[in-house]
Amino acid sequence: MEKMTRGELATRTGISAAAIRYYEEQGILPAPPRTSNGYRMYTGDYLVKLKFIKDAKSLGYSLKEIQTTLQMLQRDMDKDMLKHLVSGKITAIEHKIQRLRLLQDQLARWLQTSDDDIQQYLQTFRNNQSI
């Protein structure tokens, strides 16, 4: 089985050695075994796990969600459970989009405010400088 150092793993995955160290410290990745001289030696399965982390982050998953999913994958996760997780993420994204659209509408309405009203609003902050 191929073994590599953290630096080699970082080069092959495009993820910094510092990020890999952080993932280990946070328990997202298990710490690899060490050689007699203290070097951490990573196996090929770390390539797969780091690719998963990188892909999941690009899809908007938090590190906590990624950690939970990796733990579930290490157990007996089946396709239905995985589909349920992805479906839940889609629902969360849809809710976030709804909240962002409401915010966008509020900001668009603000832009429709008359210049006089905006000027009056700004003036209220200038008149009460001793707050």
C-alpha atoms as a PDB file:
ATOM      1  CA  MET A   1       0.000   0.000   0.000  1.00  0.00           C
ATOM      2  CA  GLU A   2       1.353   3.415  -1.008  1.00  0.00           C
ATOM      3  CA  LYS A   3       2.371   5.724   1.831  1.00  0.00           C
ATOM      4  CA  MET A   4       3.088   9.432   1.679  1.00  0.00           C
ATOM      5  CA  THR A   5       4.017  12.313   3.971  1.00  0.00           C
ATOM      6  CA  ARG A   6       1.690  15.209   4.729  1.00  0.00           C
ATOM      7  CA  GLY A   7       3.586  17.354   2.236  1.00  0.00           C
ATOM      8  CA  GLU A   8       3.162  14.771  -0.495  1.00  0.00           C
ATOM      9  CA  LEU A   9      -0.521  14.409   0.370  1.00  0.00           C
ATOM     10  CA  ALA A  10      -0.920  18.184   0.220  1.00  0.00           C
ATOM     11  CA  THR A  11       0.726  18.322  -3.199  1.00  0.00           C
ATOM     12  CA  ARG A  12      -1.422  15.518  -4.581  1.00  0.00           C
ATOM     13  CA  THR A  13      -4.725  16.922  -3.268  1.00  0.00           C
ATOM     14  CA  GLY A  14      -4.148  20.648  -3.656  1.00  0.00           C
ATOM     15  CA  ILE A  15      -5.047  21.092   0.008  1.00  0.00           C
ATOM     16  CA  SER A  16      -2.445  22.798   2.173  1.00  0.00           C
ATOM     17  CA  ALA A  17      -0.539  20.839   4.792  1.00  0.00           C
ATOM     18  CA  ALA A  18      -1.879  23.313   7.375  1.00  0.00           C
ATOM     19  CA  ALA A  19      -5.472  22.500   6.360  1.00  0.00           C
ATOM     20  CA  ILE A  20      -4.774  18.774   6.574  1.00  0.00           C
ATOM     21  CA  ARG A  21      -3.294  19.299  10.053  1.00  0.00           C
ATOM     22  CA  TYR A  22      -6.379  21.326  11.030  1.00  0.00           C
ATOM     23  CA  TYR A  23      -8.723  18.571   9.797  1.00  0.00           C
ATOM     24  CA  GLU A  24      -6.826  16.088  11.965  1.00  0.00           C
ATOM     25  CA  GLU A  25      -6.890  18.381  15.011  1.00  0.00           C
ATOM     26  CA  GLN A  26     -10.646  18.885  14.617  1.00  0.00           C
ATOM     27  CA  GLY A  27     -11.287  15.145  14.240  1.00  0.00           C
ATOM     28  CA  ILE A  28     -12.519  15.462  10.664  1.00  0.00           C
ATOM     29  CA  LEU A  29      -9.690  13.203   9.499  1.00  0.00           C
ATOM     30  CA  PRO A  30      -8.213  10.470  11.677  1.00  0.00           C
ATOM     31  CA  ALA A  31      -4.578  10.972  12.610  1.00  0.00           C
ATOM     32  CA  PRO A  32      -2.414   8.615  10.564  1.00  0.00           C
ATOM     33  CA  PRO A  33       0.121   6.256  12.107  1.00  0.00           C
ATOM     34  CA  ARG A  34       3.639   7.528  12.612  1.00  0.00           C
ATOM     35  CA  THR A  35       6.890   5.995  11.596  1.00  0.00           C
ATOM     36  CA  SER A  36       9.636   5.285  14.122  1.00  0.00           C
ATOM     37  CA  ASN A  37      11.159   8.705  13.373  1.00  0.00           C
ATOM     38  CA  GLY A  38       7.825  10.458  14.044  1.00  0.00           C
ATOM     39  CA  TYR A  39       6.674  11.180  10.484  1.00  0.00           C
ATOM     40  CA  ARG A  40       3.000  10.798   9.774  1.00  0.00           C
ATOM     41  CA  MET A  41       2.457   8.384   6.916  1.00  0.00           C
ATOM     42  CA  TYR A  42      -0.753   8.681   4.942  1.00  0.00           C
ATOM     43  CA  THR A  43      -2.306   5.959   2.823  1.00  0.00           C
ATOM     44  CA  GLY A  44      -4.309   6.286  -0.390  1.00  0.00           C
ATOM     45  CA  ASP A  45      -7.618   6.399   1.463  1.00  0.00           C
ATOM     46  CA  TYR A  46      -6.659   9.882   2.682  1.00  0.00           C
ATOM     47  CA  LEU A  47      -6.674  11.012  -0.961  1.00  0.00           C
ATOM     48  CA  VAL A  48     -10.288   9.888  -1.249  1.00  0.00           C
ATOM     49  CA  LYS A  49     -11.308  11.501   2.057  1.00  0.00           C
ATOM     50  CA  LEU A  50      -9.627  14.800   1.213  1.00  0.00           C
ATOM     51  CA  LYS A  51     -11.259  14.857  -2.219  1.00  0.00           C
ATOM     52  CA  PHE A  52     -14.588  14.295  -0.473  1.00  0.00           C
ATOM     53  CA  ILE A  53     -13.889  17.178   1.920  1.00  0.00           C
ATOM     54  CA  LYS A  54     -12.845  19.479  -0.921  1.00  0.00           C
ATOM     55  CA  ASP A  55     -15.908  18.583  -3.021  1.00  0.00           C
ATOM     56  CA  ALA A  56     -18.310  18.877  -0.085  1.00  0.00           C
ATOM     57  CA  LYS A  57     -16.918  22.303   0.861  1.00  0.00           C
ATOM     58  CA  SER A  58     -17.409  23.484  -2.734  1.00  0.00           C
ATOM     59  CA  LEU A  59     -21.068  22.372  -2.465  1.00  0.00           C
ATOM     60  CA  GLY A  60     -21.587  24.517   0.626  1.00  0.00           C
ATOM     61  CA  TYR A  61     -21.272  21.915   3.350  1.00  0.00           C
ATOM     62  CA  SER A  62     -19.808  23.123   6.644  1.00  0.00           C
ATOM     63  CA  LEU A  63     -16.866  21.313   8.191  1.00  0.00           C
ATOM     64  CA  LYS A  64     -19.186  20.043  10.934  1.00  0.00           C
ATOM     65  CA  GLU A  65     -21.551  18.588   8.322  1.00  0.00           C
ATOM     66  CA  ILE A  66     -18.592  17.044   6.511  1.00  0.00           C
ATOM     67  CA  GLN A  67     -17.290  15.527   9.732  1.00  0.00           C
ATOM     68  CA  THR A  68     -20.695  14.023  10.527  1.00  0.00           C
ATOM     69  CA  THR A  69     -21.045  12.641   7.015  1.00  0.00           C
ATOM     70  CA  LEU A  70     -17.556  11.122   7.060  1.00  0.00           C
ATOM     71  CA  GLN A  71     -18.369   9.443  10.364  1.00  0.00           C
ATOM     72  CA  MET A  72     -21.576   8.072   8.888  1.00  0.00           C
ATOM     73  CA  LEU A  73     -19.755   6.863   5.773  1.00  0.00           C
ATOM     74  CA  GLN A  74     -17.317   4.938   7.967  1.00  0.00           C
ATOM     75  CA  ARG A  75     -20.256   3.056   9.432  1.00  0.00           C
ATOM     76  CA  ASP A  76     -22.969   1.342   7.447  1.00  0.00           C
ATOM     77  CA  MET A  77     -24.423   4.214   5.440  1.00  0.00           C
ATOM     78  CA  ASP A  78     -26.657   3.015   2.646  1.00  0.00           C
ATOM     79  CA  LYS A  79     -27.798   4.780  -0.508  1.00  0.00           C
ATOM     80  CA  ASP A  80     -31.133   5.817   1.034  1.00  0.00           C
ATOM     81  CA  MET A  81     -29.402   7.505   3.959  1.00  0.00           C
ATOM     82  CA  LEU A  82     -27.034   9.302   1.596  1.00  0.00           C
ATOM     83  CA  LYS A  83     -29.974  10.462  -0.544  1.00  0.00           C
ATOM     84  CA  HIS A  84     -31.712  11.698   2.620  1.00  0.00           C
ATOM     85  CA  LEU A  85     -28.634  13.742   3.591  1.00  0.00           C
ATOM     86  CA  VAL A  86     -28.396  15.297   0.130  1.00  0.00           C
ATOM     87  CA  SER A  87     -32.139  16.011   0.090  1.00  0.00           C
ATOM     88  CA  GLY A  88     -31.826  17.779   3.445  1.00  0.00           C
ATOM     89  CA  LYS A  89     -29.012  19.939   2.089  1.00  0.00           C
ATOM     90  CA  ILE A  90     -31.132  20.852  -0.941  1.00  0.00           C
ATOM     91  CA  THR A  91     -33.969  21.912   1.379  1.00  0.00           C
ATOM     92  CA  ALA A  92     -31.573  24.019   3.471  1.00  0.00           C
ATOM     93  CA  ILE A  93     -30.248  25.703   0.314  1.00  0.00           C
ATOM     94  CA  GLU A  94     -33.799  26.432  -0.850  1.00  0.00           C
ATOM     95  CA  HIS A  95     -34.578  28.109   2.501  1.00  0.00           C
ATOM     96  CA  LYS A  96     -31.402  30.153   2.268  1.00  0.00           C
ATOM     97  CA  ILE A  97     -32.331  31.258  -1.262  1.00  0.00           C
ATOM     98  CA  GLN A  98     -35.770  32.352  -0.003  1.00  0.00           C
ATOM     99  CA  ARG A  99     -34.177  34.418   2.790  1.00  0.00           C
ATOM    100  CA  LEU A 100     -31.723  35.994   0.333  1.00  0.00           C
ATOM    101  CA  ARG A 101     -34.556  36.874  -2.059  1.00  0.00           C
ATOM    102  CA  LEU A 102     -36.431  38.597   0.770  1.00  0.00           C
ATOM    103  CA  LEU A 103     -33.290  40.558   1.587  1.00  0.00           C
ATOM    104  CA  GLN A 104     -32.834  41.418  -2.082  1.00  0.00           C
ATOM    105  CA  ASP A 105     -36.432  42.686  -2.250  1.00  0.00           C
ATOM    106  CA  GLN A 106     -35.921  44.832   0.849  1.00  0.00           C
ATOM    107  CA  LEU A 107     -32.771  46.371  -0.589  1.00  0.00           C
ATOM    108  CA  ALA A 108     -34.438  46.972  -3.950  1.00  0.00           C
ATOM    109  CA  ARG A 109     -37.307  48.772  -2.177  1.00  0.00           C
ATOM    110  CA  TRP A 110     -34.760  50.895  -0.326  1.00  0.00           C
ATOM    111  CA  LEU A 111     -33.278  51.972  -3.666  1.00  0.00           C
ATOM    112  CA  GLN A 112     -36.734  53.216  -4.661  1.00  0.00           C
ATOM    113  CA  THR A 113     -36.757  55.613  -1.702  1.00  0.00           C
ATOM    114  CA  SER A 114     -36.724  59.240  -2.733  1.00  0.00           C
ATOM    115  CA  ASP A 115     -33.459  61.151  -2.552  1.00  0.00           C
ATOM    116  CA  ASP A 116     -35.051  63.620  -0.117  1.00  0.00           C
ATOM    117  CA  ASP A 117     -36.065  60.814   2.251  1.00  0.00           C
ATOM    118  CA  ILE A 118     -32.579  59.282   2.054  1.00  0.00           C
ATOM    119  CA  GLN A 119     -30.992  62.660   2.737  1.00  0.00           C
ATOM    120  CA  GLN A 120     -33.303  63.186   5.713  1.00  0.00           C
ATOM    121  CA  TYR A 121     -32.432  59.719   7.016  1.00  0.00           C
ATOM    122  CA  LEU A 122     -28.707  60.412   6.712  1.00  0.00           C
ATOM    123  CA  GLN A 123     -29.128  63.744   8.453  1.00  0.00           C
ATOM    124  CA  THR A 124     -30.580  62.054  11.546  1.00  0.00           C
ATOM    125  CA  PHE A 125     -27.193  60.446  12.151  1.00  0.00           C
ATOM    126  CA  ARG A 126     -25.324  63.702  11.749  1.00  0.00           C
ATOM    127  CA  ASN A 127     -27.582  65.637  14.118  1.00  0.00           C
ATOM    128  CA  ASN A 128     -27.127  63.213  17.037  1.00  0.00           C
ATOM    129  CA  GLN A 129     -23.367  62.852  17.211  1.00  0.00           C
ATOM    130  CA  SER A 130     -23.254  62.699  21.044  1.00  0.00           C
ATOM    131  CA  ILE A 131     -24.838  59.231  21.312  1.00  0.00           C
END
